[in-house]
Amino acid sequence: MPQLSPGAGRRSTCSQYMCTMLVQVADKNTMAANTPIPNNPTTGKAWTRNELLTELEVERKRNSERTSGIVSWAEQVSNVQARWSIHLKEWTILTHQVYELGRECRVFAETRLLSSTSTSLTRSN
């Protein structure tokens, strides 16, 4: 654990220390959070490699059968809806990770920083 610098009571040094700790907590815990991977809608289970390859071939075949290079309005609407659904899932994951990061920082600040500050105050007396 990084030690507080001698000027830890000053606002700028404390802010720099908190930013450093925020990055360390994010690197260690939040990015490794257990975020759910979308399931295959057909089976309801996680995608396998073969299922992904099969779905890719189906999509390629559908695209090759298109007679004109123009995408219809109905296809564009369904594409936008699918992309928006993906965006909402990713946004939900992001907000959850930010919430967890804040929670972990609060716990860290309450346990480690406050205890180290009280210890240093006790030593100086």
N, C-alpha and C. Protein backbone atom coordinates (compact mmCIF):
# COMPACT_ATOMS: atom_id res chain seq x y z
N MET A 1 0.85 -1.19 0.00
CA MET A 1 0.00 0.00 0.00
C MET A 1 0.89 1.23 0.00
N PRO A 2 0.59 2.23 -0.87
CA PRO A 2 1.39 3.44 -0.91
C PRO A 2 1.27 4.20 0.41
N GLN A 3 2.37 4.83 0.82
CA GLN A 3 2.39 5.60 2.06
C GLN A 3 2.00 7.04 1.77
N LEU A 4 1.40 7.68 2.76
CA LEU A 4 1.07 9.09 2.64
C LEU A 4 2.35 9.90 2.64
N SER A 5 2.37 10.92 1.81
CA SER A 5 3.55 11.79 1.77
C SER A 5 3.53 12.71 2.99
N PRO A 6 4.66 13.36 3.32
CA PRO A 6 4.71 14.23 4.49
C PRO A 6 3.66 15.34 4.46
N GLY A 7 3.30 15.82 3.29
CA GLY A 7 2.31 16.90 3.20
C GLY A 7 0.91 16.38 2.99
N ALA A 8 0.58 15.22 3.53
CA ALA A 8 -0.71 14.59 3.25
C ALA A 8 -1.88 15.40 3.75
N GLY A 9 -1.66 16.30 4.68
CA GLY A 9 -2.77 17.09 5.20
C GLY A 9 -3.19 18.19 4.25
N ARG A 10 -2.32 18.54 3.32
CA ARG A 10 -2.67 19.60 2.37
C ARG A 10 -3.63 19.06 1.33
N ARG A 11 -4.51 19.93 0.85
CA ARG A 11 -5.55 19.53 -0.08
C ARG A 11 -5.00 18.97 -1.39
N SER A 12 -4.02 19.61 -2.02
CA SER A 12 -3.54 19.17 -3.33
C SER A 12 -2.86 17.80 -3.25
N THR A 13 -2.05 17.58 -2.24
CA THR A 13 -1.37 16.30 -2.10
C THR A 13 -2.37 15.19 -1.82
N CYS A 14 -3.34 15.47 -1.00
CA CYS A 14 -4.37 14.48 -0.68
C CYS A 14 -5.18 14.14 -1.92
N SER A 15 -5.49 15.14 -2.74
CA SER A 15 -6.24 14.89 -3.98
C SER A 15 -5.43 14.02 -4.92
N GLN A 16 -4.13 14.30 -5.03
CA GLN A 16 -3.28 13.50 -5.90
C GLN A 16 -3.22 12.06 -5.39
N TYR A 17 -3.11 11.90 -4.09
CA TYR A 17 -3.07 10.57 -3.49
C TYR A 17 -4.36 9.82 -3.78
N MET A 18 -5.51 10.49 -3.62
CA MET A 18 -6.80 9.85 -3.86
C MET A 18 -6.94 9.44 -5.32
N CYS A 19 -6.46 10.29 -6.24
CA CYS A 19 -6.52 9.94 -7.66
C CYS A 19 -5.68 8.70 -7.95
N THR A 20 -4.50 8.64 -7.35
CA THR A 20 -3.64 7.47 -7.54
C THR A 20 -4.33 6.22 -7.02
N MET A 21 -4.94 6.32 -5.86
CA MET A 21 -5.61 5.16 -5.28
C MET A 21 -6.83 4.78 -6.11
N LEU A 22 -7.53 5.76 -6.65
CA LEU A 22 -8.69 5.50 -7.49
C LEU A 22 -8.28 4.67 -8.70
N VAL A 23 -7.18 5.03 -9.32
CA VAL A 23 -6.69 4.29 -10.48
C VAL A 23 -6.30 2.87 -10.09
N GLN A 24 -5.64 2.71 -8.96
CA GLN A 24 -5.23 1.37 -8.52
C GLN A 24 -6.44 0.49 -8.22
N VAL A 25 -7.45 1.04 -7.58
CA VAL A 25 -8.65 0.26 -7.27
C VAL A 25 -9.35 -0.13 -8.57
N ALA A 26 -9.42 0.80 -9.52
CA ALA A 26 -10.08 0.51 -10.79
C ALA A 26 -9.34 -0.58 -11.54
N ASP A 27 -8.02 -0.51 -11.55
CA ASP A 27 -7.24 -1.52 -12.27
C ASP A 27 -7.41 -2.90 -11.66
N LYS A 28 -7.39 -2.98 -10.36
CA LYS A 28 -7.40 -4.28 -9.70
C LYS A 28 -8.78 -4.92 -9.65
N ASN A 29 -9.79 -4.13 -9.35
CA ASN A 29 -11.09 -4.74 -9.05
C ASN A 29 -12.16 -4.50 -10.11
N THR A 30 -12.41 -3.26 -10.46
CA THR A 30 -13.57 -2.96 -11.28
C THR A 30 -13.46 -3.53 -12.67
N MET A 31 -12.29 -3.44 -13.27
CA MET A 31 -12.17 -3.95 -14.62
C MET A 31 -12.28 -5.47 -14.68
N ALA A 32 -12.08 -6.12 -13.55
CA ALA A 32 -12.20 -7.56 -13.49
C ALA A 32 -13.56 -7.98 -12.95
N ALA A 33 -14.51 -7.04 -12.92
CA ALA A 33 -15.83 -7.34 -12.37
C ALA A 33 -16.51 -8.42 -13.21
N ASN A 34 -17.33 -9.19 -12.58
CA ASN A 34 -18.06 -10.24 -13.28
C ASN A 34 -19.25 -9.63 -13.99
N THR A 35 -19.03 -9.27 -15.24
CA THR A 35 -20.12 -8.70 -16.03
C THR A 35 -20.70 -9.82 -16.88
N PRO A 36 -22.02 -9.90 -16.93
CA PRO A 36 -22.64 -10.99 -17.68
C PRO A 36 -22.40 -10.84 -19.17
N ILE A 37 -22.09 -11.95 -19.83
CA ILE A 37 -21.95 -11.97 -21.29
C ILE A 37 -23.31 -12.33 -21.86
N PRO A 38 -23.77 -11.61 -22.88
CA PRO A 38 -25.09 -11.91 -23.44
C PRO A 38 -25.18 -13.36 -23.90
N ASN A 39 -26.32 -13.95 -23.66
CA ASN A 39 -26.54 -15.35 -24.03
C ASN A 39 -27.10 -15.45 -25.44
N ASN A 40 -26.99 -16.64 -26.00
CA ASN A 40 -27.59 -16.94 -27.28
C ASN A 40 -29.10 -16.95 -27.09
N PRO A 41 -29.84 -16.10 -27.81
CA PRO A 41 -31.29 -16.04 -27.59
C PRO A 41 -32.01 -17.35 -27.93
N THR A 42 -31.43 -18.15 -28.81
CA THR A 42 -32.06 -19.41 -29.19
C THR A 42 -31.96 -20.45 -28.08
N THR A 43 -30.78 -20.59 -27.51
CA THR A 43 -30.56 -21.62 -26.49
C THR A 43 -30.70 -21.10 -25.07
N GLY A 44 -30.51 -19.79 -24.88
CA GLY A 44 -30.55 -19.22 -23.54
C GLY A 44 -29.27 -19.44 -22.76
N LYS A 45 -28.26 -20.01 -23.41
CA LYS A 45 -26.97 -20.27 -22.78
C LYS A 45 -25.90 -19.41 -23.43
N ALA A 46 -24.70 -19.43 -22.87
CA ALA A 46 -23.59 -18.67 -23.43
C ALA A 46 -23.29 -19.17 -24.84
N TRP A 47 -22.87 -18.25 -25.71
CA TRP A 47 -22.54 -18.60 -27.08
C TRP A 47 -21.33 -19.52 -27.10
N THR A 48 -21.38 -20.53 -27.96
CA THR A 48 -20.20 -21.34 -28.21
C THR A 48 -19.55 -20.85 -29.50
N ARG A 49 -18.34 -21.27 -29.74
CA ARG A 49 -17.63 -20.84 -30.95
C ARG A 49 -18.38 -21.30 -32.20
N ASN A 50 -18.86 -22.53 -32.20
CA ASN A 50 -19.58 -23.06 -33.37
C ASN A 50 -20.88 -22.31 -33.62
N GLU A 51 -21.59 -21.96 -32.56
CA GLU A 51 -22.83 -21.20 -32.72
C GLU A 51 -22.56 -19.83 -33.33
N LEU A 52 -21.48 -19.18 -32.87
CA LEU A 52 -21.12 -17.88 -33.43
C LEU A 52 -20.77 -17.98 -34.91
N LEU A 53 -20.01 -19.00 -35.27
CA LEU A 53 -19.65 -19.19 -36.68
C LEU A 53 -20.87 -19.49 -37.53
N THR A 54 -21.79 -20.30 -37.01
CA THR A 54 -23.02 -20.62 -37.73
C THR A 54 -23.85 -19.36 -37.94
N GLU A 55 -23.98 -18.56 -36.91
CA GLU A 55 -24.75 -17.32 -37.00
C GLU A 55 -24.11 -16.35 -37.99
N LEU A 56 -22.79 -16.30 -38.02
CA LEU A 56 -22.08 -15.46 -38.98
C LEU A 56 -22.37 -15.90 -40.40
N GLU A 57 -22.36 -17.19 -40.65
CA GLU A 57 -22.65 -17.69 -42.00
C GLU A 57 -24.08 -17.39 -42.41
N VAL A 58 -25.03 -17.51 -41.48
CA VAL A 58 -26.43 -17.18 -41.77
C VAL A 58 -26.54 -15.70 -42.16
N GLU A 59 -25.87 -14.85 -41.43
CA GLU A 59 -25.92 -13.42 -41.71
C GLU A 59 -25.26 -13.10 -43.06
N ARG A 60 -24.15 -13.75 -43.34
CA ARG A 60 -23.48 -13.55 -44.63
C ARG A 60 -24.39 -13.97 -45.78
N LYS A 61 -25.05 -15.12 -45.62
CA LYS A 61 -25.95 -15.61 -46.67
C LYS A 61 -27.10 -14.63 -46.89
N ARG A 62 -27.66 -14.15 -45.80
CA ARG A 62 -28.77 -13.19 -45.90
C ARG A 62 -28.32 -11.92 -46.63
N ASN A 63 -27.11 -11.45 -46.33
CA ASN A 63 -26.59 -10.25 -46.99
C ASN A 63 -26.28 -10.50 -48.46
N SER A 64 -25.81 -11.69 -48.80
CA SER A 64 -25.48 -11.98 -50.20
C SER A 64 -26.74 -12.15 -51.05
N GLU A 65 -27.86 -12.52 -50.43
CA GLU A 65 -29.11 -12.70 -51.16
C GLU A 65 -29.81 -11.39 -51.47
N ARG A 66 -29.37 -10.33 -50.85
CA ARG A 66 -29.97 -9.02 -51.10
C ARG A 66 -29.69 -8.64 -52.55
N THR A 67 -30.76 -8.30 -53.27
CA THR A 67 -30.60 -8.02 -54.70
C THR A 67 -30.00 -6.64 -54.96
N SER A 68 -30.39 -5.66 -54.20
CA SER A 68 -29.81 -4.33 -54.40
C SER A 68 -28.89 -4.02 -53.22
N GLY A 69 -28.02 -3.05 -53.42
CA GLY A 69 -27.11 -2.65 -52.36
C GLY A 69 -27.74 -1.69 -51.36
N ILE A 70 -29.01 -1.37 -51.57
CA ILE A 70 -29.70 -0.41 -50.71
C ILE A 70 -30.37 -1.14 -49.56
N VAL A 71 -30.16 -0.66 -48.37
CA VAL A 71 -30.77 -1.25 -47.18
C VAL A 71 -32.16 -0.63 -47.01
N SER A 72 -33.16 -1.48 -46.81
CA SER A 72 -34.53 -0.99 -46.68
C SER A 72 -34.72 -0.25 -45.35
N TRP A 73 -35.81 0.52 -45.28
CA TRP A 73 -36.10 1.27 -44.05
C TRP A 73 -36.37 0.31 -42.90
N ALA A 74 -37.07 -0.77 -43.18
CA ALA A 74 -37.37 -1.74 -42.12
C ALA A 74 -36.09 -2.35 -41.56
N GLU A 75 -35.13 -2.65 -42.43
CA GLU A 75 -33.85 -3.20 -41.97
C GLU A 75 -33.07 -2.16 -41.17
N GLN A 76 -33.13 -0.91 -41.61
CA GLN A 76 -32.44 0.15 -40.88
C GLN A 76 -33.03 0.33 -39.49
N VAL A 77 -34.36 0.30 -39.40
CA VAL A 77 -35.03 0.45 -38.10
C VAL A 77 -34.66 -0.70 -37.18
N SER A 78 -34.68 -1.92 -37.69
CA SER A 78 -34.33 -3.06 -36.84
C SER A 78 -32.86 -3.00 -36.43
N ASN A 79 -32.00 -2.50 -37.32
CA ASN A 79 -30.59 -2.33 -36.98
C ASN A 79 -30.42 -1.30 -35.86
N VAL A 80 -31.11 -0.18 -35.96
CA VAL A 80 -31.03 0.85 -34.92
C VAL A 80 -31.55 0.30 -33.60
N GLN A 81 -32.64 -0.43 -33.63
CA GLN A 81 -33.19 -1.00 -32.40
C GLN A 81 -32.21 -1.99 -31.77
N ALA A 82 -31.58 -2.81 -32.58
CA ALA A 82 -30.60 -3.78 -32.05
C ALA A 82 -29.40 -3.05 -31.46
N ARG A 83 -28.92 -2.01 -32.14
CA ARG A 83 -27.78 -1.26 -31.64
C ARG A 83 -28.14 -0.53 -30.34
N TRP A 84 -29.35 -0.01 -30.26
CA TRP A 84 -29.77 0.68 -29.04
C TRP A 84 -29.85 -0.30 -27.87
N SER A 85 -30.32 -1.51 -28.14
CA SER A 85 -30.37 -2.53 -27.10
C SER A 85 -28.97 -2.86 -26.59
N ILE A 86 -28.02 -2.97 -27.50
CA ILE A 86 -26.63 -3.22 -27.10
C ILE A 86 -26.11 -2.05 -26.28
N HIS A 87 -26.41 -0.83 -26.73
CA HIS A 87 -25.97 0.36 -26.00
C HIS A 87 -26.52 0.37 -24.57
N LEU A 88 -27.79 0.03 -24.40
CA LEU A 88 -28.39 0.01 -23.07
C LEU A 88 -27.72 -1.03 -22.17
N LYS A 89 -27.41 -2.20 -22.72
CA LYS A 89 -26.73 -3.23 -21.94
C LYS A 89 -25.36 -2.74 -21.50
N GLU A 90 -24.61 -2.15 -22.44
CA GLU A 90 -23.28 -1.65 -22.11
C GLU A 90 -23.35 -0.51 -21.10
N TRP A 91 -24.35 0.36 -21.24
CA TRP A 91 -24.51 1.47 -20.31
C TRP A 91 -24.81 0.95 -18.90
N THR A 92 -25.65 -0.08 -18.82
CA THR A 92 -25.99 -0.67 -17.53
C THR A 92 -24.73 -1.26 -16.88
N ILE A 93 -23.92 -1.96 -17.67
CA ILE A 93 -22.68 -2.53 -17.14
C ILE A 93 -21.76 -1.41 -16.66
N LEU A 94 -21.63 -0.34 -17.47
CA LEU A 94 -20.76 0.78 -17.10
C LEU A 94 -21.22 1.43 -15.80
N THR A 95 -22.50 1.73 -15.68
CA THR A 95 -22.98 2.38 -14.47
C THR A 95 -22.79 1.49 -13.24
N HIS A 96 -22.96 0.19 -13.43
CA HIS A 96 -22.73 -0.74 -12.32
C HIS A 96 -21.27 -0.72 -11.91
N GLN A 97 -20.35 -0.71 -12.88
CA GLN A 97 -18.93 -0.69 -12.56
C GLN A 97 -18.53 0.61 -11.88
N VAL A 98 -19.09 1.74 -12.33
CA VAL A 98 -18.78 3.02 -11.69
C VAL A 98 -19.31 3.02 -10.25
N TYR A 99 -20.50 2.49 -10.05
CA TYR A 99 -21.06 2.39 -8.70
C TYR A 99 -20.16 1.54 -7.81
N GLU A 100 -19.71 0.38 -8.32
CA GLU A 100 -18.83 -0.49 -7.55
C GLU A 100 -17.50 0.19 -7.26
N LEU A 101 -16.98 0.93 -8.22
CA LEU A 101 -15.73 1.66 -8.01
C LEU A 101 -15.89 2.69 -6.89
N GLY A 102 -17.00 3.43 -6.89
CA GLY A 102 -17.26 4.39 -5.83
C GLY A 102 -17.38 3.72 -4.48
N ARG A 103 -18.07 2.59 -4.45
CA ARG A 103 -18.23 1.85 -3.20
C ARG A 103 -16.88 1.38 -2.68
N GLU A 104 -16.05 0.84 -3.56
CA GLU A 104 -14.74 0.36 -3.15
C GLU A 104 -13.85 1.52 -2.68
N CYS A 105 -13.96 2.66 -3.33
CA CYS A 105 -13.17 3.82 -2.90
C CYS A 105 -13.62 4.32 -1.53
N ARG A 106 -14.94 4.32 -1.30
CA ARG A 106 -15.44 4.72 0.02
C ARG A 106 -14.94 3.78 1.11
N VAL A 107 -15.02 2.49 0.84
CA VAL A 107 -14.55 1.51 1.81
C VAL A 107 -13.06 1.69 2.06
N PHE A 108 -12.30 1.88 0.99
CA PHE A 108 -10.86 2.09 1.13
C PHE A 108 -10.59 3.33 1.96
N ALA A 109 -11.28 4.42 1.63
CA ALA A 109 -11.05 5.68 2.35
C ALA A 109 -11.42 5.53 3.82
N GLU A 110 -12.52 4.86 4.10
CA GLU A 110 -12.96 4.72 5.48
C GLU A 110 -12.05 3.80 6.29
N THR A 111 -11.56 2.75 5.67
CA THR A 111 -10.76 1.78 6.43
C THR A 111 -9.28 2.14 6.44
N ARG A 112 -8.69 2.28 5.29
CA ARG A 112 -7.24 2.45 5.23
C ARG A 112 -6.79 3.88 5.47
N LEU A 113 -7.42 4.82 4.77
CA LEU A 113 -6.96 6.21 4.90
C LEU A 113 -7.24 6.77 6.27
N LEU A 114 -8.44 6.54 6.78
CA LEU A 114 -8.77 7.08 8.10
C LEU A 114 -7.96 6.40 9.19
N SER A 115 -7.73 5.11 9.06
CA SER A 115 -6.93 4.42 10.08
C SER A 115 -5.47 4.85 10.01
N SER A 116 -4.93 5.06 8.81
CA SER A 116 -3.54 5.51 8.70
C SER A 116 -3.39 6.94 9.19
N THR A 117 -4.41 7.77 8.96
CA THR A 117 -4.37 9.15 9.45
C THR A 117 -4.41 9.17 10.97
N SER A 118 -5.27 8.37 11.56
CA SER A 118 -5.35 8.35 13.02
C SER A 118 -4.07 7.77 13.61
N THR A 119 -3.47 6.81 12.94
CA THR A 119 -2.19 6.24 13.42
C THR A 119 -1.10 7.29 13.36
N SER A 120 -1.03 8.06 12.28
CA SER A 120 0.02 9.08 12.17
C SER A 120 -0.21 10.19 13.17
N LEU A 121 -1.46 10.51 13.48
CA LEU A 121 -1.75 11.52 14.48
C LEU A 121 -1.34 11.03 15.88
N THR A 122 -1.56 9.75 16.14
CA THR A 122 -1.20 9.16 17.43
C THR A 122 0.33 9.15 17.59
N ARG A 123 1.05 8.84 16.51
CA ARG A 123 2.51 8.81 16.57
C ARG A 123 3.10 10.20 16.80
N SER A 124 2.48 11.21 16.22
CA SER A 124 3.02 12.57 16.34
C SER A 124 2.78 13.14 17.75
N ASN A 125 1.79 12.63 18.46
CA ASN A 125 1.51 13.13 19.82
C ASN A 125 2.43 12.48 20.76
